[in-house]
Amino acid sequence: MLKKHREVSPKVVSCKVITVSDTRDEQTDKSGQLMKQMLADNQHYLANYEIVKDEKTEIEAAISSGVQDEQMDAILINGGTGIAKRDVTIEVVDSFLDKKMPGFGEIFRMLSYQYDIGSAAILSRAIAGVTDNTVIFSVPGSSGAVKLAMEKLILPEIGHIVMELNKDN
């Protein structure tokens, strides 16, 4: 059944990449560049890319513009997911979600624990869910975290998720 769903899922998904950082710019945003490259390598369409400060209003505006774009299927966010006081990405993303996909964060932390960072995985607050017809993924800002999330979770399922979001329209 899953194989059948993947076969009929969209092969090209329209995406927005948002990097949340107080210090990065386009030249130093390795994680955002990696997300963009991995999307391109998998024939997905990069509709928009933005770097915003770790400020609630800036993150809200960036997500809101993506959600309001009827052509946007997915928003991929990296950065601002930690437990420091300035890390507010998860709270902002959570406020947008109509339906959460708790398995995303759970599996991401499990994979991080197994393959990457060990017990420090408990500090990750990666989250995903949907609002209207847009899926939102939010992962830590390290390039290792982005690579792991993209390879193991986002890219294998993004088309399937978009198909599910649009099947009743």
N, C-alpha and C. Protein backbone atom coordinates (compact mmCIF):
# COMPACT_ATOMS: atom_id res chain seq x y z
N MET A 1 0.82 -1.20 0.00
CA MET A 1 0.00 0.00 0.00
C MET A 1 0.87 1.26 0.00
N LEU A 2 1.87 1.30 0.88
CA LEU A 2 2.75 2.47 0.95
C LEU A 2 3.48 2.67 -0.38
N LYS A 3 3.95 1.59 -0.98
CA LYS A 3 4.63 1.68 -2.27
C LYS A 3 3.70 2.30 -3.32
N LYS A 4 2.44 1.87 -3.31
CA LYS A 4 1.46 2.42 -4.25
C LYS A 4 1.27 3.91 -4.02
N HIS A 5 1.16 4.33 -2.75
CA HIS A 5 1.01 5.75 -2.44
C HIS A 5 2.19 6.56 -2.95
N ARG A 6 3.38 6.05 -2.75
CA ARG A 6 4.57 6.78 -3.22
C ARG A 6 4.59 6.86 -4.75
N GLU A 7 4.11 5.82 -5.41
CA GLU A 7 4.10 5.81 -6.87
C GLU A 7 3.16 6.88 -7.44
N VAL A 8 2.05 7.16 -6.77
CA VAL A 8 1.09 8.13 -7.27
C VAL A 8 1.25 9.51 -6.63
N SER A 9 2.20 9.65 -5.72
CA SER A 9 2.44 10.94 -5.06
C SER A 9 3.11 11.91 -6.02
N PRO A 10 2.93 13.22 -5.79
CA PRO A 10 3.60 14.20 -6.64
C PRO A 10 5.12 14.01 -6.60
N LYS A 11 5.74 14.12 -7.74
CA LYS A 11 7.20 13.99 -7.83
C LYS A 11 7.90 15.34 -7.62
N VAL A 12 7.15 16.41 -7.84
CA VAL A 12 7.70 17.76 -7.65
C VAL A 12 6.82 18.46 -6.63
N VAL A 13 7.46 18.92 -5.57
CA VAL A 13 6.78 19.63 -4.50
C VAL A 13 7.34 21.05 -4.44
N SER A 14 6.46 22.03 -4.36
CA SER A 14 6.86 23.44 -4.27
C SER A 14 7.20 23.77 -2.81
N CYS A 15 8.43 24.23 -2.57
CA CYS A 15 8.93 24.40 -1.20
C CYS A 15 9.47 25.80 -0.93
N LYS A 16 9.35 26.18 0.33
CA LYS A 16 10.00 27.37 0.85
C LYS A 16 10.98 26.91 1.92
N VAL A 17 12.20 27.42 1.87
CA VAL A 17 13.21 27.12 2.88
C VAL A 17 13.41 28.39 3.70
N ILE A 18 13.33 28.23 5.02
CA ILE A 18 13.55 29.33 5.95
C ILE A 18 14.69 28.94 6.89
N THR A 19 15.70 29.79 6.97
CA THR A 19 16.76 29.61 7.95
C THR A 19 16.54 30.64 9.05
N VAL A 20 16.51 30.17 10.29
CA VAL A 20 16.36 31.05 11.45
C VAL A 20 17.73 31.19 12.10
N SER A 21 18.27 32.41 12.04
CA SER A 21 19.60 32.63 12.60
C SER A 21 19.84 34.12 12.81
N ASP A 22 20.51 34.44 13.90
CA ASP A 22 20.90 35.83 14.16
C ASP A 22 22.23 36.17 13.50
N THR A 23 22.95 35.18 12.99
CA THR A 23 24.30 35.43 12.49
C THR A 23 24.54 35.05 11.03
N ARG A 24 23.72 34.20 10.46
CA ARG A 24 24.00 33.71 9.10
C ARG A 24 23.49 34.66 8.03
N ASP A 25 24.20 34.62 6.90
CA ASP A 25 23.75 35.29 5.68
C ASP A 25 23.80 34.24 4.58
N GLU A 26 23.48 34.60 3.35
CA GLU A 26 23.41 33.60 2.28
C GLU A 26 24.73 32.85 2.08
N GLN A 27 25.85 33.53 2.28
CA GLN A 27 27.15 32.89 2.08
C GLN A 27 27.50 31.94 3.22
N THR A 28 27.05 32.21 4.42
CA THR A 28 27.42 31.38 5.58
C THR A 28 26.31 30.42 6.00
N ASP A 29 25.20 30.43 5.29
CA ASP A 29 24.07 29.57 5.64
C ASP A 29 24.24 28.18 5.03
N LYS A 30 25.14 27.39 5.62
CA LYS A 30 25.40 26.04 5.09
C LYS A 30 24.18 25.14 5.17
N SER A 31 23.41 25.24 6.23
CA SER A 31 22.24 24.37 6.38
C SER A 31 21.13 24.71 5.39
N GLY A 32 20.87 25.99 5.21
CA GLY A 32 19.87 26.41 4.22
C GLY A 32 20.30 26.02 2.81
N GLN A 33 21.59 26.20 2.52
CA GLN A 33 22.11 25.82 1.20
C GLN A 33 21.99 24.31 0.99
N LEU A 34 22.24 23.55 2.06
CA LEU A 34 22.12 22.09 1.97
C LEU A 34 20.67 21.68 1.71
N MET A 35 19.73 22.29 2.41
CA MET A 35 18.32 22.00 2.17
C MET A 35 17.96 22.29 0.71
N LYS A 36 18.37 23.45 0.23
CA LYS A 36 18.07 23.84 -1.15
C LYS A 36 18.67 22.85 -2.13
N GLN A 37 19.91 22.45 -1.90
CA GLN A 37 20.59 21.53 -2.82
C GLN A 37 19.93 20.16 -2.81
N MET A 38 19.57 19.69 -1.64
CA MET A 38 18.93 18.37 -1.55
C MET A 38 17.54 18.37 -2.20
N LEU A 39 16.82 19.48 -2.06
CA LEU A 39 15.54 19.59 -2.76
C LEU A 39 15.75 19.55 -4.27
N ALA A 40 16.74 20.31 -4.76
CA ALA A 40 17.03 20.35 -6.20
C ALA A 40 17.49 18.97 -6.69
N ASP A 41 18.33 18.31 -5.92
CA ASP A 41 18.81 16.98 -6.31
C ASP A 41 17.67 15.97 -6.44
N ASN A 42 16.58 16.24 -5.76
CA ASN A 42 15.41 15.35 -5.81
C ASN A 42 14.28 15.93 -6.66
N GLN A 43 14.61 16.90 -7.50
CA GLN A 43 13.70 17.50 -8.49
C GLN A 43 12.52 18.24 -7.88
N HIS A 44 12.66 18.71 -6.64
CA HIS A 44 11.61 19.54 -6.06
C HIS A 44 11.87 20.99 -6.42
N TYR A 45 10.83 21.81 -6.35
CA TYR A 45 10.89 23.20 -6.78
C TYR A 45 11.09 24.12 -5.57
N LEU A 46 12.15 24.90 -5.60
CA LEU A 46 12.40 25.89 -4.55
C LEU A 46 11.69 27.17 -4.96
N ALA A 47 10.57 27.46 -4.33
CA ALA A 47 9.78 28.64 -4.67
C ALA A 47 10.28 29.87 -3.94
N ASN A 48 10.88 29.67 -2.76
CA ASN A 48 11.29 30.81 -1.95
C ASN A 48 12.33 30.37 -0.93
N TYR A 49 13.23 31.29 -0.60
CA TYR A 49 14.27 31.05 0.40
C TYR A 49 14.45 32.33 1.18
N GLU A 50 14.52 32.19 2.49
CA GLU A 50 14.59 33.37 3.34
C GLU A 50 15.43 33.07 4.58
N ILE A 51 16.21 34.04 5.02
CA ILE A 51 16.90 33.97 6.30
C ILE A 51 16.27 35.02 7.20
N VAL A 52 15.84 34.60 8.39
CA VAL A 52 15.22 35.53 9.33
C VAL A 52 15.92 35.43 10.68
N LYS A 53 15.86 36.50 11.42
CA LYS A 53 16.40 36.52 12.78
C LYS A 53 15.55 35.63 13.68
N ASP A 54 16.14 35.20 14.78
CA ASP A 54 15.44 34.37 15.75
C ASP A 54 14.53 35.26 16.60
N GLU A 55 13.56 35.84 15.92
CA GLU A 55 12.58 36.75 16.52
C GLU A 55 11.19 36.25 16.13
N LYS A 56 10.31 36.19 17.09
CA LYS A 56 8.97 35.65 16.87
C LYS A 56 8.28 36.29 15.67
N THR A 57 8.28 37.62 15.59
CA THR A 57 7.55 38.29 14.50
C THR A 57 8.15 38.00 13.13
N GLU A 58 9.47 37.88 13.05
CA GLU A 58 10.10 37.58 11.76
C GLU A 58 9.81 36.15 11.31
N ILE A 59 9.86 35.23 12.25
CA ILE A 59 9.55 33.83 11.92
C ILE A 59 8.09 33.70 11.51
N GLU A 60 7.20 34.34 12.27
CA GLU A 60 5.76 34.31 11.93
C GLU A 60 5.51 34.86 10.53
N ALA A 61 6.13 35.98 10.20
CA ALA A 61 5.93 36.59 8.88
C ALA A 61 6.42 35.67 7.77
N ALA A 62 7.56 35.03 7.97
CA ALA A 62 8.12 34.14 6.95
C ALA A 62 7.22 32.91 6.74
N ILE A 63 6.75 32.32 7.83
CA ILE A 63 5.87 31.16 7.71
C ILE A 63 4.54 31.59 7.10
N SER A 64 4.00 32.68 7.57
CA SER A 64 2.70 33.16 7.08
C SER A 64 2.71 33.40 5.58
N SER A 65 3.77 34.01 5.07
CA SER A 65 3.82 34.27 3.62
C SER A 65 3.86 32.97 2.83
N GLY A 66 4.51 31.95 3.38
CA GLY A 66 4.53 30.65 2.71
C GLY A 66 3.18 29.96 2.75
N VAL A 67 2.52 30.01 3.90
CA VAL A 67 1.21 29.38 4.05
C VAL A 67 0.16 30.07 3.17
N GLN A 68 0.26 31.38 3.03
CA GLN A 68 -0.72 32.12 2.23
C GLN A 68 -0.53 31.93 0.74
N ASP A 69 0.64 31.48 0.32
CA ASP A 69 0.91 31.22 -1.10
C ASP A 69 0.23 29.91 -1.48
N GLU A 70 -0.82 29.97 -2.28
CA GLU A 70 -1.60 28.78 -2.63
C GLU A 70 -0.79 27.75 -3.41
N GLN A 71 0.33 28.16 -4.01
CA GLN A 71 1.17 27.23 -4.77
C GLN A 71 2.19 26.52 -3.89
N MET A 72 2.32 26.96 -2.63
CA MET A 72 3.33 26.39 -1.73
C MET A 72 2.81 25.11 -1.10
N ASP A 73 3.58 24.04 -1.25
CA ASP A 73 3.21 22.74 -0.67
C ASP A 73 3.87 22.51 0.67
N ALA A 74 5.10 23.00 0.83
CA ALA A 74 5.88 22.67 2.02
C ALA A 74 6.77 23.83 2.44
N ILE A 75 6.94 23.96 3.75
CA ILE A 75 7.87 24.93 4.32
C ILE A 75 8.86 24.14 5.16
N LEU A 76 10.13 24.32 4.86
CA LEU A 76 11.20 23.62 5.57
C LEU A 76 12.02 24.66 6.32
N ILE A 77 12.07 24.53 7.63
CA ILE A 77 12.72 25.50 8.49
C ILE A 77 13.90 24.85 9.19
N ASN A 78 15.02 25.56 9.25
CA ASN A 78 16.16 25.08 10.04
C ASN A 78 16.61 26.20 10.97
N GLY A 79 16.91 25.82 12.21
CA GLY A 79 17.43 26.76 13.19
C GLY A 79 16.41 27.21 14.21
N GLY A 80 16.93 27.63 15.36
CA GLY A 80 16.10 28.18 16.42
C GLY A 80 15.27 27.15 17.16
N THR A 81 15.72 25.89 17.15
CA THR A 81 14.91 24.81 17.74
C THR A 81 15.40 24.36 19.11
N GLY A 82 16.44 24.98 19.62
CA GLY A 82 17.02 24.53 20.89
C GLY A 82 16.22 24.98 22.10
N ILE A 83 16.87 24.92 23.26
CA ILE A 83 16.18 25.25 24.51
C ILE A 83 16.63 26.59 25.09
N ALA A 84 17.50 27.30 24.40
CA ALA A 84 17.92 28.61 24.88
C ALA A 84 16.73 29.58 24.82
N LYS A 85 16.77 30.62 25.61
CA LYS A 85 15.66 31.59 25.66
C LYS A 85 15.38 32.19 24.29
N ARG A 86 16.41 32.40 23.49
CA ARG A 86 16.21 33.01 22.17
C ARG A 86 15.61 32.05 21.15
N ASP A 87 15.62 30.76 21.41
CA ASP A 87 15.11 29.77 20.47
C ASP A 87 13.58 29.71 20.55
N VAL A 88 12.92 30.36 19.59
CA VAL A 88 11.45 30.45 19.61
C VAL A 88 10.79 29.83 18.38
N THR A 89 11.59 29.23 17.51
CA THR A 89 11.03 28.68 16.28
C THR A 89 9.92 27.67 16.56
N ILE A 90 10.14 26.76 17.46
CA ILE A 90 9.16 25.69 17.71
C ILE A 90 7.84 26.27 18.21
N GLU A 91 7.92 27.24 19.10
CA GLU A 91 6.69 27.86 19.60
C GLU A 91 5.91 28.53 18.48
N VAL A 92 6.63 29.19 17.57
CA VAL A 92 5.97 29.85 16.44
C VAL A 92 5.37 28.80 15.50
N VAL A 93 6.15 27.80 15.13
CA VAL A 93 5.64 26.76 14.24
C VAL A 93 4.41 26.10 14.85
N ASP A 94 4.51 25.75 16.13
CA ASP A 94 3.40 25.08 16.81
C ASP A 94 2.11 25.90 16.74
N SER A 95 2.22 27.22 16.79
CA SER A 95 1.03 28.07 16.74
C SER A 95 0.34 28.03 15.37
N PHE A 96 1.05 27.61 14.34
CA PHE A 96 0.48 27.52 13.00
C PHE A 96 -0.20 26.17 12.72
N LEU A 97 0.19 25.14 13.44
CA LEU A 97 -0.21 23.78 13.08
C LEU A 97 -1.65 23.44 13.44
N ASP A 98 -2.39 22.97 12.42
CA ASP A 98 -3.74 22.44 12.63
C ASP A 98 -3.65 20.99 13.08
N LYS A 99 -2.70 20.28 12.52
CA LYS A 99 -2.47 18.87 12.85
C LYS A 99 -0.97 18.66 13.00
N LYS A 100 -0.58 18.08 14.12
CA LYS A 100 0.84 17.79 14.35
C LYS A 100 1.16 16.39 13.88
N MET A 101 2.40 16.18 13.49
CA MET A 101 2.90 14.86 13.13
C MET A 101 3.98 14.51 14.16
N PRO A 102 3.58 14.05 15.34
CA PRO A 102 4.55 13.82 16.41
C PRO A 102 5.62 12.78 16.05
N GLY A 103 5.28 11.86 15.15
CA GLY A 103 6.25 10.86 14.74
C GLY A 103 7.50 11.46 14.13
N PHE A 104 7.36 12.61 13.47
CA PHE A 104 8.53 13.25 12.85
C PHE A 104 9.59 13.57 13.90
N GLY A 105 9.20 14.29 14.94
CA GLY A 105 10.15 14.66 15.99
C GLY A 105 10.67 13.45 16.74
N GLU A 106 9.79 12.49 17.00
CA GLU A 106 10.19 11.29 17.72
C GLU A 106 11.24 10.51 16.94
N ILE A 107 10.98 10.28 15.66
CA ILE A 107 11.92 9.51 14.84
C ILE A 107 13.20 10.30 14.61
N PHE A 108 13.09 11.62 14.41
CA PHE A 108 14.29 12.44 14.23
C PHE A 108 15.20 12.32 15.45
N ARG A 109 14.63 12.41 16.64
CA ARG A 109 15.44 12.31 17.85
C ARG A 109 16.06 10.91 17.99
N MET A 110 15.29 9.88 17.64
CA MET A 110 15.82 8.52 17.70
C MET A 110 17.00 8.35 16.75
N LEU A 111 16.82 8.84 15.51
CA LEU A 111 17.91 8.75 14.53
C LEU A 111 19.11 9.56 14.98
N SER A 112 18.88 10.74 15.51
CA SER A 112 19.98 11.58 16.01
C SER A 112 20.73 10.86 17.11
N TYR A 113 20.01 10.23 17.99
CA TYR A 113 20.62 9.48 19.09
C TYR A 113 21.48 8.34 18.54
N GLN A 114 20.92 7.59 17.60
CA GLN A 114 21.60 6.40 17.07
C GLN A 114 22.80 6.74 16.20
N TYR A 115 22.66 7.73 15.33
CA TYR A 115 23.67 7.95 14.29
C TYR A 115 24.54 9.17 14.49
N ASP A 116 24.20 10.01 15.43
CA ASP A 116 24.85 11.30 15.38
C ASP A 116 25.30 11.80 16.75
N ILE A 117 24.37 12.16 17.59
CA ILE A 117 24.77 12.94 18.76
C ILE A 117 24.52 12.29 20.11
N GLY A 118 24.07 11.06 20.12
CA GLY A 118 23.86 10.37 21.39
C GLY A 118 22.80 11.03 22.25
N SER A 119 23.05 11.06 23.54
CA SER A 119 22.04 11.54 24.49
C SER A 119 21.69 13.02 24.32
N ALA A 120 22.52 13.79 23.66
CA ALA A 120 22.19 15.20 23.40
C ALA A 120 20.96 15.34 22.51
N ALA A 121 20.50 14.24 21.92
CA ALA A 121 19.29 14.26 21.10
C ALA A 121 18.08 14.74 21.89
N ILE A 122 18.11 14.59 23.21
CA ILE A 122 16.96 15.03 24.01
C ILE A 122 16.79 16.55 23.96
N LEU A 123 17.82 17.28 23.53
CA LEU A 123 17.72 18.73 23.42
C LEU A 123 17.02 19.18 22.14
N SER A 124 16.83 18.26 21.20
CA SER A 124 16.20 18.62 19.93
C SER A 124 14.70 18.73 20.09
N ARG A 125 14.15 19.81 19.55
CA ARG A 125 12.70 19.99 19.58
C ARG A 125 12.13 19.98 18.17
N ALA A 126 12.72 19.21 17.27
CA ALA A 126 12.23 19.12 15.90
C ALA A 126 10.73 18.82 15.90
N ILE A 127 10.02 19.43 14.97
CA ILE A 127 8.56 19.31 14.92
C ILE A 127 8.11 19.36 13.46
N ALA A 128 6.97 18.75 13.19
CA ALA A 128 6.35 18.84 11.87
C ALA A 128 4.85 18.74 12.03
N GLY A 129 4.15 19.26 11.04
CA GLY A 129 2.70 19.19 11.02
C GLY A 129 2.16 19.91 9.81
N VAL A 130 0.86 20.07 9.80
CA VAL A 130 0.22 20.71 8.64
C VAL A 130 -0.69 21.84 9.08
N THR A 131 -0.79 22.80 8.20
CA THR A 131 -1.76 23.87 8.33
C THR A 131 -2.39 24.05 6.96
N ASP A 132 -3.70 23.97 6.90
CA ASP A 132 -4.42 24.00 5.62
C ASP A 132 -3.83 22.94 4.70
N ASN A 133 -3.29 23.36 3.57
CA ASN A 133 -2.71 22.41 2.61
C ASN A 133 -1.20 22.51 2.54
N THR A 134 -0.57 22.95 3.62
CA THR A 134 0.88 23.13 3.65
C THR A 134 1.47 22.30 4.78
N VAL A 135 2.52 21.54 4.48
CA VAL A 135 3.24 20.81 5.51
C VAL A 135 4.42 21.68 5.95
N ILE A 136 4.68 21.69 7.24
CA ILE A 136 5.79 22.46 7.81
C ILE A 136 6.70 21.50 8.56
N PHE A 137 7.99 21.55 8.24
CA PHE A 137 9.01 20.80 8.94
C PHE A 137 9.95 21.78 9.59
N SER A 138 10.32 21.56 10.85
CA SER A 138 11.27 22.42 11.53
C SER A 138 12.32 21.56 12.21
N VAL A 139 13.58 21.78 11.82
CA VAL A 139 14.69 20.97 12.32
C VAL A 139 15.80 21.87 12.85
N PRO A 140 16.71 21.30 13.64
CA PRO A 140 17.84 22.09 14.12
C PRO A 140 18.67 22.66 12.96
N GLY A 141 19.45 23.68 13.27
CA GLY A 141 20.18 24.40 12.25
C GLY A 141 21.53 23.83 11.86
N SER A 142 21.97 22.75 12.47
CA SER A 142 23.26 22.19 12.07
C SER A 142 23.11 21.46 10.74
N SER A 143 24.16 21.46 9.94
CA SER A 143 24.07 20.79 8.64
C SER A 143 23.91 19.28 8.82
N GLY A 144 24.45 18.71 9.90
CA GLY A 144 24.25 17.29 10.17
C GLY A 144 22.80 16.96 10.43
N ALA A 145 22.13 17.82 11.20
CA ALA A 145 20.71 17.61 11.50
C ALA A 145 19.87 17.76 10.23
N VAL A 146 20.19 18.74 9.42
CA VAL A 146 19.46 18.96 8.17
C VAL A 146 19.63 17.75 7.25
N LYS A 147 20.85 17.29 7.09
CA LYS A 147 21.12 16.14 6.22
C LYS A 147 20.35 14.92 6.70
N LEU A 148 20.39 14.66 8.01
CA LEU A 148 19.68 13.51 8.57
C LEU A 148 18.18 13.61 8.33
N ALA A 149 17.59 14.75 8.66
CA ALA A 149 16.15 14.93 8.48
C ALA A 149 15.74 14.83 7.02
N MET A 150 16.51 15.45 6.15
CA MET A 150 16.17 15.42 4.72
C MET A 150 16.28 14.01 4.15
N GLU A 151 17.39 13.33 4.42
CA GLU A 151 17.62 12.00 3.84
C GLU A 151 16.66 10.95 4.38
N LYS A 152 16.47 10.95 5.68
CA LYS A 152 15.76 9.85 6.31
C LYS A 152 14.26 10.08 6.46
N LEU A 153 13.81 11.34 6.51
CA LEU A 153 12.40 11.60 6.80
C LEU A 153 11.70 12.48 5.76
N ILE A 154 12.24 13.65 5.50
CA ILE A 154 11.52 14.62 4.67
C ILE A 154 11.45 14.18 3.21
N LEU A 155 12.57 13.95 2.59
CA LEU A 155 12.56 13.61 1.16
C LEU A 155 11.81 12.31 0.86
N PRO A 156 11.95 11.27 1.68
CA PRO A 156 11.19 10.04 1.37
C PRO A 156 9.67 10.21 1.47
N GLU A 157 9.19 11.18 2.25
CA GLU A 157 7.75 11.28 2.51
C GLU A 157 7.08 12.55 2.01
N ILE A 158 7.83 13.53 1.55
CA ILE A 158 7.23 14.83 1.24
C ILE A 158 6.14 14.73 0.17
N GLY A 159 6.37 13.97 -0.88
CA GLY A 159 5.36 13.81 -1.92
C GLY A 159 4.11 13.11 -1.40
N HIS A 160 4.32 12.08 -0.60
CA HIS A 160 3.21 11.33 0.00
C HIS A 160 2.37 12.24 0.91
N ILE A 161 3.04 13.07 1.71
CA ILE A 161 2.33 13.98 2.60
C ILE A 161 1.50 14.98 1.79
N VAL A 162 2.10 15.55 0.75
CA VAL A 162 1.38 16.52 -0.10
C VAL A 162 0.17 15.85 -0.76
N MET A 163 0.34 14.61 -1.21
CA MET A 163 -0.79 13.90 -1.80
C MET A 163 -1.92 13.75 -0.78
N GLU A 164 -1.60 13.37 0.44
CA GLU A 164 -2.61 13.21 1.48
C GLU A 164 -3.32 14.52 1.78
N LEU A 165 -2.56 15.63 1.79
CA LEU A 165 -3.15 16.94 2.08
C LEU A 165 -4.14 17.39 1.01
N ASN A 166 -3.91 16.95 -0.21
CA ASN A 166 -4.72 17.43 -1.33
C ASN A 166 -5.76 16.44 -1.84
N LYS A 167 -5.83 15.26 -1.25
CA LYS A 167 -6.72 14.24 -1.82
C LYS A 167 -8.19 14.53 -1.65
N ASP A 168 -8.57 15.35 -0.69
CA ASP A 168 -9.98 15.66 -0.50
C ASP A 168 -10.40 17.00 -1.12
N ASN A 169 -9.49 17.62 -1.83
CA ASN A 169 -9.80 18.93 -2.46
C ASN A 169 -10.49 18.75 -3.79
